[in-house]
Protein backbone atom coordinates (compact mmCIF):
# COMPACT_ATOMS: atom_id res chain seq x y z
CA MET A 1 0.12 0.02 -0.08
CA ARG A 2 2.96 2.38 0.99
CA LYS A 3 4.68 1.69 -2.21
CA SER A 4 1.45 2.41 -4.30
CA LEU A 5 1.09 5.63 -2.59
CA ILE A 6 4.75 6.74 -3.33
CA VAL A 7 4.38 5.69 -6.99
CA GLY A 8 1.26 7.67 -7.32
CA PHE A 9 2.62 10.76 -5.52
CA VAL A 10 5.87 10.67 -8.00
CA CYS A 11 3.52 10.59 -11.19
CA LEU A 12 1.22 13.39 -9.74
CA PHE A 13 4.32 15.47 -9.25
CA ALA A 14 5.57 14.94 -12.68
CA LEU A 15 2.49 15.92 -14.22
CA GLY A 16 2.27 18.95 -12.03
CA HIS A 17 5.78 20.11 -12.70
CA GLY A 18 5.56 19.60 -16.58
CA VAL A 19 7.92 16.60 -16.57
CA ALA A 20 7.86 15.20 -20.05
CA GLN A 21 6.19 11.62 -20.09
CA ALA A 22 7.17 8.42 -21.72
CA GLN A 23 5.03 8.10 -24.97
CA THR A 24 5.42 5.85 -28.02
CA HIS A 25 4.16 6.45 -31.50
CA THR A 26 3.90 3.96 -34.38
CA ILE A 27 4.00 5.15 -38.11
CA GLN A 28 3.29 3.19 -41.24
CA GLY A 29 5.35 3.78 -44.28
CA ARG A 30 4.57 4.61 -47.81
CA ALA A 31 6.31 3.95 -50.93
CA VAL A 32 7.27 7.20 -52.76
CA THR A 33 9.15 8.11 -55.98
CA GLY A 34 10.56 11.47 -54.72
CA VAL A 35 10.69 13.59 -51.70
CA ASN A 36 6.92 13.81 -50.64
CA ARG A 37 6.01 12.73 -54.17
CA LEU A 38 4.55 9.45 -55.46
CA LEU A 39 3.89 9.34 -59.34
CA SER A 40 4.78 13.09 -59.42
CA GLN A 41 1.84 13.92 -56.80
CA PRO A 42 2.30 15.34 -53.45
CA VAL A 43 1.95 12.69 -50.64
CA PHE A 44 1.99 14.95 -47.42
CA GLU A 45 1.22 18.37 -46.40
CA LEU A 46 4.18 19.82 -44.48
CA GLY A 47 2.44 22.47 -42.43
CA PRO A 48 3.46 26.11 -43.66
CA PHE A 49 5.11 24.35 -46.66
CA GLY A 50 2.20 22.66 -48.10
CA GLY A 51 2.82 19.78 -50.57
CA ALA A 52 6.56 21.09 -51.25
CA GLY A 53 8.80 18.09 -52.65
CA PHE A 54 10.10 16.97 -55.98
CA ASN A 55 10.59 13.99 -57.98
CA ASP A 56 13.73 11.78 -57.64
CA VAL A 57 12.95 8.65 -59.78
CA GLY A 58 12.02 8.66 -63.37
CA ALA A 59 10.79 6.37 -66.09
CA TYR A 60 13.53 5.19 -68.57
CA ASN A 61 13.34 6.95 -71.97
CA PRO A 62 14.47 4.53 -74.60
CA ASN A 63 14.57 7.49 -77.25
CA GLY A 64 17.29 9.14 -75.20
CA GLY A 65 17.58 12.41 -73.48
CA GLU A 66 16.02 12.90 -70.16
CA ALA A 67 13.99 10.41 -68.10
CA LEU A 68 10.31 10.86 -68.12
CA PRO A 69 8.20 11.77 -64.94
CA LEU A 70 6.43 8.93 -63.51
CA THR A 71 2.56 9.03 -63.45
CA ALA A 72 -0.46 7.28 -62.34
CA ALA A 73 -0.60 5.79 -66.01
CA SER A 74 2.97 4.47 -65.69
CA PRO A 75 2.77 0.71 -65.99
CA ALA A 76 4.22 -1.82 -63.51
CA ASN A 77 7.18 -2.83 -65.79
CA THR A 78 8.37 0.97 -66.22
CA LEU A 79 12.17 0.59 -65.95
CA LEU A 80 13.16 3.17 -63.34
CA ALA A 81 15.96 5.74 -64.22
CA SER A 82 17.96 8.82 -63.10
CA ILE A 83 16.20 12.07 -63.35
CA VAL A 84 16.49 15.67 -61.87
CA ASP A 85 13.42 17.63 -61.20
CA PRO A 86 13.68 21.16 -62.55
CA GLY A 87 11.74 22.33 -59.57
CA PHE A 88 14.56 21.10 -57.27
CA VAL A 89 17.33 22.69 -59.66
CA GLU A 90 15.26 26.16 -59.27
CA ALA A 91 14.31 25.99 -55.59
CA PHE A 92 18.00 25.19 -54.34
CA HIS A 93 19.81 27.55 -57.04
CA VAL A 94 21.72 24.71 -58.60
CA ASP A 95 23.64 25.64 -61.64
CA PRO A 96 22.42 23.45 -64.39
CA SER A 97 25.51 23.38 -66.23
CA THR A 98 27.00 21.24 -63.17
CA ILE A 99 24.62 18.43 -64.13
CA ARG A 100 26.15 16.29 -66.56
CA PRO A 101 23.96 14.66 -69.38
CA GLN A 102 25.50 11.38 -69.32
CA THR A 103 24.36 10.94 -65.66
CA LEU A 104 20.56 11.26 -66.91
CA ASN A 105 18.14 8.81 -67.87
CA ILE A 106 20.43 5.84 -66.63
CA PRO A 107 18.67 2.69 -65.48
CA LEU A 108 19.11 2.49 -61.51
CA ARG A 109 21.26 -0.78 -62.10
CA ASP A 110 23.73 0.95 -64.34
CA VAL A 111 24.23 4.07 -62.44
CA GLY A 112 28.23 4.34 -61.95
CA VAL A 113 29.99 3.60 -58.91
CA TYR A 114 33.35 4.66 -57.62
CA ILE A 115 35.83 1.97 -59.11
CA ASN A 116 39.34 3.59 -58.22
CA PRO A 117 41.09 5.92 -55.92
CA ALA A 118 40.91 8.71 -58.22
CA GLY A 119 36.96 8.88 -58.02
CA ARG A 120 36.28 7.44 -61.52
CA ARG A 121 32.91 5.98 -61.74
CA GLN A 122 31.37 3.51 -64.21
CA PRO A 123 28.74 0.81 -63.90
CA VAL A 124 29.57 -2.73 -62.73
CA ARG A 125 28.23 -6.00 -63.10
CA ASP A 126 26.89 -8.22 -60.41
CA ILE A 127 29.45 -10.43 -58.62
CA PHE A 128 28.57 -13.67 -60.46
CA HIS A 129 29.33 -12.23 -63.92
CA SER A 130 32.56 -10.37 -62.82
CA SER A 131 35.97 -11.97 -62.12
CA GLN A 132 37.42 -12.11 -58.75
CA MET A 133 39.29 -8.81 -58.63
CA ALA A 134 36.99 -6.70 -60.66
CA PRO A 135 34.57 -4.11 -58.98
CA SER A 136 31.08 -5.75 -58.76
CA ARG A 137 27.57 -5.49 -57.42
CA ALA A 138 26.68 -7.45 -54.37
CA SER A 139 23.51 -8.55 -56.15
CA ALA A 140 22.10 -7.52 -59.54
CA GLY A 141 18.52 -9.20 -59.19
CA GLY A 142 17.39 -7.87 -62.49
CA PRO A 143 16.20 -4.40 -63.71
CA ILE A 144 14.37 -2.11 -61.02
CA THR A 145 10.94 -1.61 -62.09
CA LEU A 146 8.22 0.47 -60.91
CA GLY A 147 5.93 -2.53 -59.70
CA GLN A 148 9.11 -3.75 -57.66
CA TRP A 149 9.90 -0.30 -56.19
CA LEU A 150 6.32 0.24 -55.01
CA LYS A 151 6.41 -2.88 -52.86
CA ALA A 152 8.39 -1.12 -50.31
CA ALA A 153 6.56 -0.96 -46.79
CA GLY A 154 7.47 -0.44 -43.29
CA THR A 155 6.80 0.51 -39.75
CA ALA A 156 8.54 3.25 -37.69
CA LYS A 157 8.39 3.18 -33.95
CA ILE A 158 9.39 6.29 -31.72
CA ASP A 159 9.46 5.93 -28.09
CA CYS A 160 10.12 9.42 -26.25
CA LYS A 161 11.65 9.53 -22.89
CA GLY A 162 12.24 13.16 -21.60
CA ASN A 163 14.07 15.08 -24.22
CA THR A 164 15.24 12.37 -26.39
CA ALA A 165 13.65 9.32 -28.35
CA SER A 166 14.41 5.94 -29.75
CA LEU A 167 13.79 5.18 -33.17
CA ARG A 168 13.19 1.77 -34.90
CA ILE A 169 12.25 0.96 -38.44
CA ASP A 170 11.21 -2.32 -39.76
CA MET A 171 11.05 -2.62 -43.67
CA THR A 172 10.26 -5.05 -46.51
CA GLY A 173 10.15 -4.75 -50.17
CA LEU A 174 13.27 -2.38 -50.48
CA ILE A 175 15.93 -3.28 -53.23
CA PRO A 176 17.71 -6.57 -52.30
CA ARG A 177 21.24 -5.90 -50.82
CA GLY A 178 20.77 -2.15 -51.43
CA LEU A 179 22.57 0.68 -49.47
CA TYR A 180 20.22 3.02 -47.99
CA ASP A 181 20.22 6.02 -45.27
CA VAL A 182 17.44 7.51 -43.26
CA TRP A 183 17.03 11.31 -43.00
CA GLY A 184 14.64 13.68 -40.98
CA VAL A 185 12.92 16.26 -43.23
CA MET A 186 12.93 19.16 -40.67
CA LEU A 187 10.46 21.94 -40.92
CA THR A 188 12.75 25.03 -40.37
CA ASP A 189 12.17 28.56 -40.51
CA GLN A 190 13.86 28.58 -43.74
CA GLY A 191 12.18 25.54 -45.37
CA PRO A 192 12.29 21.74 -45.24
CA ALA A 193 15.88 20.70 -44.29
CA PRO A 194 17.26 17.29 -43.89
CA ILE A 195 19.31 15.71 -40.84
CA CYS A 196 20.82 12.33 -40.81
CA LEU A 197 18.80 10.81 -38.04
CA GLY A 198 20.61 9.55 -35.04
CA GLY A 199 23.99 11.26 -36.44
CA SER A 200 26.21 9.99 -39.23
CA PRO A 201 26.27 7.28 -40.22
CA CYS A 202 22.67 6.73 -40.77
CA ALA A 203 23.08 3.85 -43.22
CA PHE A 204 22.05 0.37 -43.49
CA ILE A 205 22.12 -2.53 -46.04
CA THR A 206 19.13 -4.63 -46.79
CA ASP A 207 19.16 -8.59 -46.99
CA LYS A 208 18.67 -10.73 -50.14
CA LYS A 209 15.12 -10.35 -49.91
CA GLY A 210 15.22 -6.40 -49.43
CA SER A 211 14.17 -6.46 -45.60
CA ALA A 212 16.00 -4.40 -43.15
CA SER A 213 15.84 -2.97 -39.69
CA PHE A 214 17.15 0.47 -38.55
CA ALA A 215 17.36 1.66 -35.12
CA ALA A 216 18.86 5.12 -33.90
CA THR A 217 18.54 7.45 -30.70
CA LEU A 218 17.47 11.13 -31.27
CA ASN A 219 18.46 13.95 -29.40
CA PHE A 220 15.20 15.38 -29.49
CA CYS A 221 11.67 14.21 -29.02
CA PRO A 222 9.57 14.97 -32.19
CA TYR A 223 6.21 14.99 -30.15
CA ASP A 224 7.50 17.07 -27.08
CA LEU A 225 9.82 19.94 -28.88
CA ARG A 226 11.90 22.34 -26.87
CA GLU A 227 12.28 26.02 -27.49
CA HIS A 228 14.14 26.50 -30.70
CA GLU A 229 13.74 22.93 -32.01
CA PHE A 230 11.89 22.30 -35.46
CA PRO A 231 9.14 19.80 -36.04
CA LEU A 232 10.11 16.57 -37.81
CA GLY A 233 7.94 16.56 -40.87
CA ILE A 234 8.61 13.38 -42.21
CA ILE A 235 11.26 10.41 -42.11
CA GLU A 236 12.89 9.56 -45.47
CA VAL A 237 14.54 6.38 -46.44
CA LEU A 238 16.93 7.02 -49.21
CA PHE A 239 18.26 4.45 -51.75
CA HIS A 240 21.53 5.13 -53.03
CA SER A 241 22.04 3.60 -56.44
CA ASP A 242 25.76 4.33 -56.66
CA HIS A 243 26.59 2.25 -53.38
CA ALA A 244 28.01 5.40 -51.69
CA VAL A 245 26.70 7.66 -48.75
CA TYR A 246 27.91 11.14 -48.01
CA ALA A 247 27.89 11.59 -44.15
CA SER A 248 25.90 14.55 -43.12
CA GLN A 249 24.63 15.31 -46.65
CA PRO A 250 21.92 13.04 -48.38
CA GLU A 251 23.68 13.98 -51.88
CA LEU A 252 26.17 16.59 -53.26
CA PHE A 253 23.82 18.60 -55.29
CA TYR A 254 26.13 21.61 -55.86
CA ALA A 255 29.06 19.08 -57.07
CA GLY A 256 26.97 17.73 -60.00
CA TYR A 257 24.79 15.25 -58.13
CA PRO A 258 21.25 16.52 -57.14
CA PRO A 259 18.85 14.23 -55.99
CA GLY A 260 17.64 11.71 -58.65
CA ILE A 261 21.03 11.05 -60.08
CA VAL A 262 22.62 8.69 -57.38
CA SER A 263 20.14 9.09 -54.45
CA HIS A 264 16.57 8.41 -54.56
CA SER A 265 13.50 8.47 -52.09
CA HIS A 266 12.02 5.11 -51.62
CA LEU A 267 9.92 5.14 -48.23
CA GLU A 268 8.46 7.97 -46.09
CA PHE A 269 6.82 8.12 -42.60
CA PRO A 270 4.82 11.18 -41.66
CA VAL A 271 5.52 12.43 -38.15
CA SER A 272 4.07 15.86 -38.04
CA ALA A 273 3.17 15.87 -41.84
CA THR A 274 -0.49 14.97 -42.80
CA LEU A 275 -1.76 13.22 -45.58
CA ALA A 276 -2.20 15.48 -48.84
CA ASN A 277 -5.78 15.80 -50.13
């Protein structure tokens, strides 16, 4: 009886003095084909920034030139390729001359990877079609199609304790043996901005079936923000077709690699964002 009274008093004290309480939130992920884009349409409302976003996966154009935007009419067997959304170039003031035409409209399996210490990139074959010492992919698994891409699914669990939180994401349907990382799209005063969730590296590799789990500790609670902290709009799971990650940056868009050339949004989890109409 005495123990119950003590526990009750501690709980009342915490509530009366504004002590943050433990809270757990579970969020279902959605397959996407861009940052806040699915088949060229907004997925979420990002508070004051509305449906801001851009495509970073395109439909391979066999006639050459640039890849075509994905739409609701794109068939499941559409071959996915690198693309750069003009809206991103304009919004982030990227010099178009830094984007090399030879990096556009490349099927995702054929995106160049680093092959030597000088930073040369070129496509590589899968390991069972390469010699022992040749650069190779861990697994080819055939072309990456829209139907395969849209099978991605996942569940994120955020467990807040005080002013920190633990994050765990369980995912299926991603690219087998693919390299991914996890970003928080923060809704800052200047606009949406990415942070590497849990600190760099925020990367993981899927298994041979495209499944993976990711866990991290956050230095803030998305559901109980302190003064000067920004809302976490969405959690972004980003596929790196070039098999490389870039520490505290999702991509190097001022160095000729804007989103869509070597990095591609695959799965999103809304935190403070709401579904678009």
